[in-house]
Protein backbone atom coordinates (compact mmCIF):
# COMPACT_ATOMS: atom_id res chain seq x y z
CA MET A 1 0.10 -0.03 -0.12
CA THR A 2 1.69 3.21 -0.94
CA LYS A 3 0.38 6.24 1.40
CA VAL A 4 0.08 9.85 -0.05
CA ALA A 5 0.09 13.51 2.20
CA VAL A 6 -1.42 16.23 0.69
CA VAL A 7 -0.57 19.13 3.13
CA PHE A 8 -1.85 22.49 2.31
CA HIS A 9 -3.33 26.17 4.04
CA SER A 10 -5.93 27.80 2.39
CA ARG A 11 -6.88 31.23 3.51
CA PHE A 12 -10.30 31.96 1.36
CA GLY A 13 -10.93 28.58 0.32
CA HIS A 14 -9.78 28.77 -3.00
CA THR A 15 -6.31 26.34 -2.76
CA ALA A 16 -8.82 23.75 -0.29
CA LYS A 17 -10.45 22.82 -3.45
CA GLN A 18 -7.54 22.48 -5.28
CA ALA A 19 -5.57 20.48 -2.36
CA LEU A 20 -9.31 18.18 -2.73
CA ALA A 21 -8.96 17.93 -6.50
CA VAL A 22 -4.91 16.81 -5.67
CA TYR A 23 -6.13 14.24 -3.74
CA GLU A 24 -8.71 13.10 -5.46
CA GLY A 25 -6.17 12.25 -7.69
CA VAL A 26 -4.01 10.39 -5.43
CA ALA A 27 -6.74 8.58 -4.33
CA SER A 28 -7.54 7.13 -7.72
CA VAL A 29 -4.57 4.83 -8.01
CA ALA A 30 -5.52 1.90 -6.94
CA GLU A 31 -3.84 0.33 -3.28
CA THR A 32 -2.97 3.99 -2.25
CA GLU A 33 -3.84 5.48 0.77
CA ALA A 34 -4.27 9.49 0.60
CA ARG A 35 -4.89 11.57 3.18
CA LEU A 36 -5.56 15.79 3.36
CA ILE A 37 -3.82 17.17 5.78
CA VAL A 38 -4.57 21.08 6.73
CA ALA A 39 -1.19 22.64 7.38
CA ALA A 40 -2.33 24.61 10.65
CA ASP A 41 -3.24 20.68 12.08
CA ALA A 42 -0.05 19.09 10.99
CA ASP A 43 1.48 18.83 14.33
CA LYS A 44 -1.45 15.71 15.02
CA GLN A 45 0.06 14.15 11.61
CA TRP A 46 3.44 13.68 12.15
CA ASP A 47 3.27 9.87 12.12
CA PHE A 48 1.53 9.86 9.05
CA LEU A 49 3.63 12.02 7.17
CA ALA A 50 6.62 10.03 8.51
CA ALA A 51 5.05 6.92 7.39
CA ALA A 52 4.26 8.75 4.11
CA ASP A 53 6.27 7.47 0.65
CA ALA A 54 4.92 10.44 -0.67
CA ILE A 55 4.30 14.54 0.18
CA ILE A 56 2.28 17.28 -1.43
CA PHE A 57 2.47 20.48 -0.83
CA GLY A 58 0.27 23.44 -1.75
CA CYS A 59 -0.63 26.86 -0.77
CA PRO A 60 -1.80 30.32 -1.79
CA THR A 61 0.73 32.43 -3.12
CA TYR A 62 0.59 35.73 -1.56
CA MET A 63 3.23 38.58 -2.12
CA GLY A 64 5.10 35.91 -4.32
CA SER A 65 5.58 33.56 -1.66
CA ALA A 66 4.46 30.67 0.34
CA SER A 67 1.46 31.77 2.46
CA ALA A 68 2.69 32.24 6.07
CA GLU A 69 0.61 29.53 7.83
CA PHE A 70 2.53 27.58 5.16
CA LYS A 71 5.43 28.61 6.41
CA LYS A 72 4.83 27.50 9.46
CA PHE A 73 4.46 23.87 8.82
CA MET A 74 7.75 24.02 6.97
CA GLU A 75 9.27 25.72 9.88
CA ALA A 76 8.22 23.17 12.10
CA SER A 77 8.96 20.48 9.98
CA SER A 78 13.21 21.49 10.79
CA LYS A 79 13.07 18.53 13.63
CA VAL A 80 12.04 16.10 10.66
CA TRP A 81 14.79 18.02 8.38
CA ARG A 82 17.66 17.36 11.47
CA ASP A 83 17.17 13.76 11.06
CA MET A 84 16.70 13.89 7.08
CA GLY A 85 13.05 11.96 8.21
CA TRP A 86 11.67 12.47 4.82
CA ARG A 87 14.61 10.96 2.28
CA ASN A 88 13.47 9.97 -0.61
CA LYS A 89 10.41 10.43 -0.41
CA VAL A 90 8.10 11.70 -3.23
CA ALA A 91 7.31 15.47 -3.47
CA ALA A 92 5.38 17.84 -5.56
CA GLY A 93 3.51 21.11 -4.69
CA PHE A 94 1.01 23.21 -5.89
CA THR A 95 -0.15 27.14 -5.49
CA ASN A 96 -2.82 29.18 -6.48
CA SER A 97 -3.01 32.96 -6.83
CA GLY A 98 -6.01 35.99 -7.93
CA SER A 99 -3.73 36.74 -10.66
CA GLN A 100 -2.58 34.99 -14.19
CA HIS A 101 1.04 34.94 -13.40
CA GLY A 102 0.83 36.27 -9.48
CA ASP A 103 4.33 35.29 -9.29
CA LYS A 104 3.31 31.17 -8.47
CA LEU A 105 6.40 29.96 -10.04
CA SER A 106 8.36 31.68 -6.93
CA THR A 107 6.16 29.40 -4.51
CA LEU A 108 6.84 26.37 -6.32
CA MET A 109 10.00 26.83 -6.68
CA GLN A 110 9.95 27.61 -2.49
CA LEU A 111 8.16 24.40 -1.90
CA ALA A 112 10.82 22.40 -4.60
CA LEU A 113 13.91 24.03 -2.90
CA TYR A 114 12.34 22.90 0.79
CA ALA A 115 11.61 19.74 -0.33
CA MET A 116 14.99 19.49 -1.49
CA GLN A 117 16.39 20.15 1.87
CA HIS A 118 14.44 17.08 3.18
CA GLY A 119 16.05 14.99 0.53
CA MET A 120 12.72 14.79 -1.33
CA VAL A 121 12.40 13.68 -4.70
CA TRP A 122 10.39 16.22 -6.64
CA VAL A 123 8.12 15.15 -9.39
CA GLY A 124 6.24 17.98 -11.78
CA VAL A 125 3.82 18.16 -13.80
CA ASP A 126 4.16 16.00 -17.08
CA LEU A 127 1.81 17.98 -19.21
CA MET A 128 2.61 19.80 -22.23
CA PRO A 129 1.60 23.66 -21.94
CA GLY A 130 -2.36 24.87 -22.83
CA ASN A 131 -3.72 27.53 -23.76
CA ASN A 132 -0.70 28.69 -25.63
CA SER A 133 -1.85 28.80 -29.37
CA THR A 134 -4.92 29.50 -31.56
CA GLN A 135 -6.60 26.37 -31.22
CA GLY A 136 -5.92 26.72 -27.26
CA SER A 137 -8.30 27.79 -24.73
CA VAL A 138 -8.53 28.38 -20.97
CA SER A 139 -10.26 24.66 -20.89
CA ASP A 140 -7.01 23.05 -21.70
CA LEU A 141 -5.05 21.22 -19.25
CA ASN A 142 -2.15 22.60 -17.27
CA ARG A 143 -3.28 26.28 -19.30
CA HIS A 144 -0.83 28.22 -17.33
CA GLY A 145 2.34 26.11 -18.97
CA ALA A 146 3.51 24.75 -15.28
CA TRP A 147 6.62 22.33 -15.11
CA LEU A 148 7.68 22.58 -11.52
CA GLY A 149 4.02 22.09 -10.38
CA ALA A 150 -0.22 22.80 -10.88
CA MET A 151 -1.30 25.90 -10.88
CA ALA A 152 -4.50 27.47 -10.54
CA GLN A 153 -5.67 31.13 -10.90
CA SER A 154 -9.06 32.01 -8.70
CA ASN A 155 -10.82 35.19 -9.29
CA VAL A 156 -10.36 37.52 -6.75
CA ASP A 157 -14.03 38.70 -6.26
CA GLN A 158 -15.37 35.00 -6.93
CA GLY A 159 -15.43 32.55 -3.78
CA ALA A 160 -14.54 28.74 -3.48
CA ASP A 161 -17.76 28.00 -4.82
CA VAL A 162 -16.75 29.20 -8.55
CA GLN A 163 -12.82 29.17 -8.43
CA PRO A 164 -10.56 27.92 -9.71
CA GLY A 165 -11.82 26.50 -12.95
CA GLN A 166 -12.13 23.38 -14.13
CA ALA A 167 -8.91 22.65 -16.31
CA ASP A 168 -7.10 24.05 -13.41
CA LEU A 169 -8.63 21.34 -11.00
CA ASP A 170 -7.60 19.18 -13.65
CA THR A 171 -4.51 19.64 -13.64
CA ALA A 172 -4.53 19.34 -9.80
CA ARG A 173 -5.90 15.83 -10.22
CA HIS A 174 -3.61 15.10 -12.65
CA LEU A 175 -0.74 15.68 -10.82
CA GLY A 176 -2.23 14.02 -7.91
CA LYS A 177 -2.61 10.72 -10.02
CA ARG A 178 0.91 11.37 -11.08
CA VAL A 179 2.44 11.45 -8.08
CA ALA A 180 0.80 8.68 -6.60
CA GLU A 181 1.54 6.37 -9.37
CA ILE A 182 5.31 7.30 -9.26
CA ALA A 183 5.62 6.74 -5.37
CA SER A 184 3.53 3.64 -6.19
CA GLN A 185 6.93 2.73 -8.30
CA PHE A 186 9.20 3.50 -5.64
CA VAL A 187 7.57 1.13 -2.99
CA ARG A 188 7.60 -1.43 -5.32
CA GLY A 189 11.36 -1.24 -6.47
CA ARG A 190 12.39 -0.07 -3.14
CA VAL A 191 14.26 2.92 -4.68
């Protein structure tokens, strides 16, 4: 059984909706136990994180960076880091912002660097960029053209009942499935 944790912070519910899509992608892979963990509640989940084969990190992008609440989780993991407790676990990330670009790449880079400091193996999005030609549309998977992780955009005047859009949720779902499949390969091969 492969174990995958999706650890996230969401202030207004948009990133929680994206996290749920990632979780659904993970859960769609046979013989995989998926768990959604709110970053603020991670102190009750350290045992599951230690046992997980993969951890997917997600948070909104605020001011070109991971949210402060998610940074608290990152800093709280320093005891795990000291012992390299997450070494060789699969890692991935996702983020959401109100703007089309919103400097989301800098947040994904921050999450990837965080995973690297833990000795984890980062998995990106394996989808060609969408919405990048006259034949493309905002309904394309990976419409933001991200490689490092799943990006979503949520209009600031719409709630989580409407945003993020379906294409961004489907991209997040795809990332979750990809991570679970790769983690499963690691488990079977005991890499």
